[in-house]
Amino acid sequence: MSEKESTQTKKYFTVCGDCTDEIKFVFDDGQTLYVSENLLSYASPVFKAMFEHNLKEKTEREVKLTEKNYKDVLEFLLCLHPAVQREITTKNVLDVVGIAEEYQVDLLIMRCKNVMTKWLESELEYVKGYGIGDTTLRERTANCLTILHKALECRYTTVVDHAITIISKFGYGVFSGTLKLGPKGSNINTTRNNSSPSRGNYIHGDSKEGDSKCQKLFSTLPDNIKYRLLVERLMTCDKNIMY
């Protein structure tokens, strides 16, 4: 995005008076956004019902977004705005998908599911193509576990199933956070190639940080999902398709 485009984008929804059918979003910390009622109604059946039934939000022209993150909601709105149509990517999908689901914005939900699925696949492909260094595995697995948590929260059965299949290929020691380090932080198993370019939304830091991240994400999964991961891992071992 160019500097000019970035400056223009910042103005959307943040300035009062841009549209005649304006609704004000008010956050817990007092920050505000200003959105067209028609835009919200076209995109979301939840907002449409809210404004059609003469609830206080319609009469007061104000919606209190309790416990919502200002930046996440703004990102969600920029994805909706016809003049912006912000792309759903790995950088914003986990922030946008919960809001899109809550307000039943089908178009964004579909895009988010597609990005989450492709993200899972790209993590596995990265490991297959570049190597199985310990840090790489932990970074990729932590990302996949985070996607799995979000898919469970949104009840995306297909994405959950896909995440379990992908994560199982990384190994129990990796996704449970129990894999031990060899000399100089390398995996004690064979390594093909330890070079791994960083990406902004990946976990950074030493292996202990990655280890604790995987441990926390795995330990907080529902027991039935842990069980499914372990079963899938055993099946993966039998088929000899581990990475």
Protein backbone atom coordinates (compact mmCIF):
# COMPACT_ATOMS: atom_id res chain seq x y z
CA MET A 1 0.00 0.00 0.00
CA SER A 2 1.38 3.42 -0.95
CA GLU A 3 1.74 6.26 1.57
CA LYS A 4 -1.14 8.08 -0.14
CA GLU A 5 -3.40 5.03 0.00
CA SER A 6 -2.45 4.46 3.64
CA THR A 7 -3.37 8.06 4.54
CA GLN A 8 -6.72 7.76 2.76
CA THR A 9 -7.49 4.44 4.43
CA LYS A 10 -6.88 5.89 7.89
CA LYS A 11 -9.73 8.37 7.35
CA TYR A 12 -12.39 5.73 6.76
CA PHE A 13 -14.68 5.19 9.76
CA THR A 14 -12.61 7.44 12.05
CA VAL A 15 -14.14 10.81 11.11
CA CYS A 16 -17.68 11.83 12.02
CA GLY A 17 -19.98 13.14 9.27
CA ASP A 18 -18.78 11.13 6.27
CA CYS A 19 -22.26 9.65 5.66
CA THR A 20 -25.84 10.74 6.34
CA ASP A 21 -26.95 7.43 7.89
CA GLU A 22 -24.11 7.28 10.38
CA ILE A 23 -23.96 4.90 13.34
CA LYS A 24 -21.39 5.49 16.06
CA PHE A 25 -19.48 2.54 17.49
CA VAL A 26 -18.31 3.20 21.05
CA PHE A 27 -15.60 1.07 22.68
CA ASP A 28 -14.87 0.45 26.35
CA ASP A 29 -11.92 2.83 26.29
CA GLY A 30 -13.98 5.66 24.77
CA GLN A 31 -12.64 5.35 21.22
CA THR A 32 -15.22 5.69 18.44
CA LEU A 33 -15.81 4.66 14.84
CA TYR A 34 -18.48 5.97 12.46
CA VAL A 35 -20.16 3.57 10.04
CA SER A 36 -22.95 3.74 7.48
CA GLU A 37 -26.11 1.99 8.65
CA ASN A 38 -26.77 0.79 5.10
CA LEU A 39 -23.29 -0.74 4.82
CA LEU A 40 -23.77 -2.62 8.08
CA SER A 41 -27.28 -3.77 7.12
CA TYR A 42 -26.24 -5.01 3.67
CA ALA A 43 -23.26 -6.93 5.07
CA SER A 44 -24.71 -8.32 8.29
CA PRO A 45 -28.14 -9.79 9.07
CA VAL A 46 -27.38 -9.18 12.75
CA PHE A 47 -27.01 -5.43 12.24
CA LYS A 48 -29.95 -5.41 9.83
CA ALA A 49 -32.22 -6.93 12.48
CA MET A 50 -30.89 -4.49 15.07
CA PHE A 51 -31.79 -1.48 12.93
CA GLU A 52 -35.11 -2.82 11.60
CA HIS A 53 -36.66 -3.48 15.00
CA ASN A 54 -36.29 0.01 16.43
CA LEU A 55 -33.95 -1.09 19.18
CA LYS A 56 -32.18 1.61 21.19
CA GLU A 57 -29.16 1.32 18.87
CA LYS A 58 -31.30 2.63 16.01
CA THR A 59 -32.95 5.43 17.94
CA GLU A 60 -29.75 6.53 19.68
CA ARG A 61 -27.61 6.00 16.54
CA GLU A 62 -24.99 4.42 18.78
CA VAL A 63 -23.74 0.85 19.32
CA LYS A 64 -21.65 0.02 22.36
CA LEU A 65 -19.07 -2.63 21.47
CA THR A 66 -18.27 -4.04 24.87
CA GLU A 67 -15.01 -5.99 25.14
CA LYS A 68 -14.25 -5.43 21.45
CA ASN A 69 -10.82 -4.40 20.21
CA TYR A 70 -10.83 -1.08 18.35
CA LYS A 71 -8.12 -2.08 15.86
CA ASP A 72 -9.76 -5.44 15.10
CA VAL A 73 -13.15 -3.86 14.42
CA LEU A 74 -11.57 -1.20 12.21
CA GLU A 75 -9.75 -3.91 10.25
CA PHE A 76 -13.05 -5.78 9.89
CA LEU A 77 -14.76 -2.64 8.57
CA LEU A 78 -11.95 -1.93 6.09
CA CYS A 79 -12.44 -5.44 4.71
CA LEU A 80 -16.10 -4.54 4.18
CA HIS A 81 -15.71 -1.05 2.73
CA PRO A 82 -16.29 -1.18 -1.06
CA ALA A 83 -13.65 1.50 -1.68
CA VAL A 84 -10.99 -0.33 0.35
CA GLN A 85 -11.82 -4.06 0.34
CA ARG A 86 -8.86 -4.87 2.58
CA GLU A 87 -7.51 -8.29 1.72
CA ILE A 88 -7.84 -11.09 4.27
CA THR A 89 -4.34 -12.47 4.91
CA THR A 90 -2.40 -14.36 7.58
CA LYS A 91 -1.72 -10.99 9.21
CA ASN A 92 -5.36 -10.12 9.94
CA VAL A 93 -7.47 -13.26 9.55
CA LEU A 94 -7.41 -14.29 13.22
CA ASP A 95 -8.44 -10.75 14.22
CA VAL A 96 -11.25 -10.47 11.68
CA VAL A 97 -12.79 -13.95 11.63
CA GLY A 98 -14.37 -13.83 15.09
CA ILE A 99 -16.09 -10.52 14.35
CA ALA A 100 -17.24 -11.71 10.93
CA GLU A 101 -18.69 -14.82 12.57
CA GLU A 102 -20.42 -12.93 15.37
CA TYR A 103 -22.17 -10.62 12.89
CA GLN A 104 -22.70 -13.38 10.29
CA VAL A 105 -20.91 -11.67 7.42
CA ASP A 106 -20.88 -14.63 5.05
CA LEU A 107 -18.54 -13.18 2.44
CA LEU A 108 -15.80 -12.47 4.99
CA ILE A 109 -16.38 -15.80 6.74
CA MET A 110 -15.76 -17.65 3.49
CA ARG A 111 -12.59 -15.66 2.82
CA CYS A 112 -11.33 -16.22 6.36
CA LYS A 113 -11.89 -19.97 6.14
CA ASN A 114 -9.97 -20.09 2.86
CA VAL A 115 -7.05 -18.13 4.29
CA MET A 116 -6.91 -20.26 7.45
CA THR A 117 -6.88 -23.44 5.36
CA LYS A 118 -4.18 -22.18 3.00
CA TRP A 119 -2.13 -20.91 5.94
CA LEU A 120 -2.13 -24.38 7.48
CA GLU A 121 -1.02 -25.89 4.19
CA SER A 122 1.72 -23.29 3.70
CA GLU A 123 3.23 -24.07 7.10
CA LEU A 124 3.52 -27.74 6.25
CA GLU A 125 4.89 -26.99 2.77
CA TYR A 126 7.50 -24.69 4.29
CA VAL A 127 8.78 -27.44 6.56
CA LYS A 128 8.74 -29.97 3.73
CA GLY A 129 10.70 -27.62 1.48
CA TYR A 130 13.16 -25.99 3.87
CA GLY A 131 13.85 -28.43 6.66
CA ILE A 132 12.93 -29.69 10.08
CA GLY A 133 15.07 -27.53 12.36
CA ASP A 134 13.68 -27.36 15.88
CA THR A 135 12.95 -23.62 15.83
CA THR A 136 11.26 -23.87 12.44
CA LEU A 137 9.01 -26.69 13.59
CA ARG A 138 8.01 -24.87 16.75
CA GLU A 139 7.20 -21.65 14.91
CA ARG A 140 5.13 -23.42 12.27
CA THR A 141 3.38 -25.68 14.77
CA ALA A 142 2.52 -22.78 17.09
CA ASN A 143 0.91 -20.96 14.17
CA CYS A 144 -1.11 -24.07 13.28
CA LEU A 145 -2.17 -24.59 16.89
CA THR A 146 -3.31 -20.95 17.04
CA ILE A 147 -5.40 -21.47 13.90
CA LEU A 148 -6.84 -24.64 15.44
CA HIS A 149 -7.90 -22.74 18.56
CA LYS A 150 -9.62 -20.07 16.47
CA ALA A 151 -11.35 -22.69 14.29
CA LEU A 152 -12.66 -24.41 17.44
CA GLU A 153 -13.89 -21.08 18.78
CA CYS A 154 -15.76 -20.41 15.52
CA ARG A 155 -16.91 -24.05 15.19
CA TYR A 156 -15.34 -24.48 11.77
CA THR A 157 -15.39 -28.26 11.62
CA THR A 158 -13.65 -28.55 8.27
CA VAL A 159 -10.81 -26.22 9.30
CA VAL A 160 -10.47 -28.09 12.62
CA ASP A 161 -10.16 -31.42 10.80
CA HIS A 162 -7.58 -29.98 8.42
CA ALA A 163 -5.56 -28.45 11.25
CA ILE A 164 -5.43 -31.75 13.12
CA THR A 165 -4.18 -33.52 10.00
CA ILE A 166 -1.47 -30.91 9.41
CA ILE A 167 -0.31 -30.61 13.03
CA SER A 168 -0.02 -34.37 13.46
CA LYS A 169 2.68 -34.43 10.79
CA PHE A 170 4.94 -32.18 12.91
CA GLY A 171 5.26 -34.76 15.67
CA TYR A 172 3.98 -35.12 19.23
CA GLY A 173 7.20 -33.77 20.71
CA VAL A 174 6.78 -30.57 18.73
CA PHE A 175 3.09 -29.79 19.17
CA SER A 176 3.16 -30.79 22.85
CA GLY A 177 6.28 -28.68 23.46
CA THR A 178 8.44 -31.56 24.73
CA LEU A 179 10.97 -31.79 21.88
CA LYS A 180 14.52 -31.47 23.25
CA LEU A 181 17.29 -29.39 21.74
CA GLY A 182 20.60 -30.64 20.49
CA PRO A 183 23.84 -28.62 20.27
CA LYS A 184 23.47 -24.94 19.32
CA GLY A 185 19.68 -25.11 19.43
CA SER A 186 19.28 -27.58 16.60
CA ASN A 187 16.91 -30.53 16.56
CA ILE A 188 18.53 -33.67 17.95
CA ASN A 189 17.12 -35.45 14.89
CA THR A 190 18.42 -35.02 11.35
CA THR A 191 18.11 -31.53 9.86
CA ARG A 192 17.78 -30.88 6.13
CA ASN A 193 18.07 -27.13 6.13
CA ASN A 194 17.80 -24.76 9.09
CA SER A 195 17.46 -21.52 7.14
CA SER A 196 14.07 -19.91 7.74
CA PRO A 197 13.23 -16.33 6.76
CA SER A 198 11.15 -14.55 9.36
CA ARG A 199 7.60 -13.29 8.85
CA GLY A 200 6.00 -10.60 10.93
CA ASN A 201 3.16 -12.73 12.33
CA TYR A 202 5.39 -15.64 13.30
CA ILE A 203 6.72 -16.22 16.79
CA HIS A 204 10.19 -14.81 17.33
CA GLY A 205 12.71 -15.51 20.07
CA ASP A 206 14.67 -18.49 21.31
CA SER A 207 13.48 -22.08 21.35
CA LYS A 208 12.30 -21.88 24.96
CA GLU A 209 9.78 -19.21 23.96
CA GLY A 210 8.55 -21.34 21.08
CA ASP A 211 8.48 -24.36 23.35
CA SER A 212 6.33 -22.68 26.00
CA LYS A 213 4.02 -21.31 23.29
CA CYS A 214 3.38 -24.78 21.88
CA GLN A 215 2.98 -26.24 25.37
CA LYS A 216 0.40 -23.63 26.33
CA LEU A 217 -1.56 -23.94 23.09
CA PHE A 218 -1.60 -27.74 23.25
CA SER A 219 -2.42 -27.97 26.96
CA THR A 220 -5.42 -25.64 26.60
CA LEU A 221 -7.03 -27.68 23.82
CA PRO A 222 -10.15 -29.70 24.71
CA ASP A 223 -9.33 -33.29 25.70
CA ASN A 224 -11.16 -34.75 22.70
CA ILE A 225 -9.03 -32.65 20.33
CA LYS A 226 -5.83 -33.74 22.09
CA TYR A 227 -6.96 -37.33 21.68
CA ARG A 228 -7.69 -36.81 17.99
CA LEU A 229 -4.24 -35.29 17.49
CA LEU A 230 -2.56 -38.26 19.14
CA VAL A 231 -4.57 -40.77 17.10
CA GLU A 232 -3.84 -38.89 13.89
CA ARG A 233 -0.16 -38.81 14.83
CA LEU A 234 -0.08 -42.60 15.26
CA MET A 235 -1.76 -43.02 11.89
CA THR A 236 0.77 -40.62 10.36
CA CYS A 237 3.63 -42.67 11.81
CA ASP A 238 2.15 -45.86 10.32
CA LYS A 239 1.96 -44.19 6.92
CA ASN A 240 5.51 -42.82 7.30
CA ILE A 241 4.54 -39.27 6.20
CA MET A 242 6.08 -37.31 9.08
CA TYR A 243 8.14 -34.13 8.80
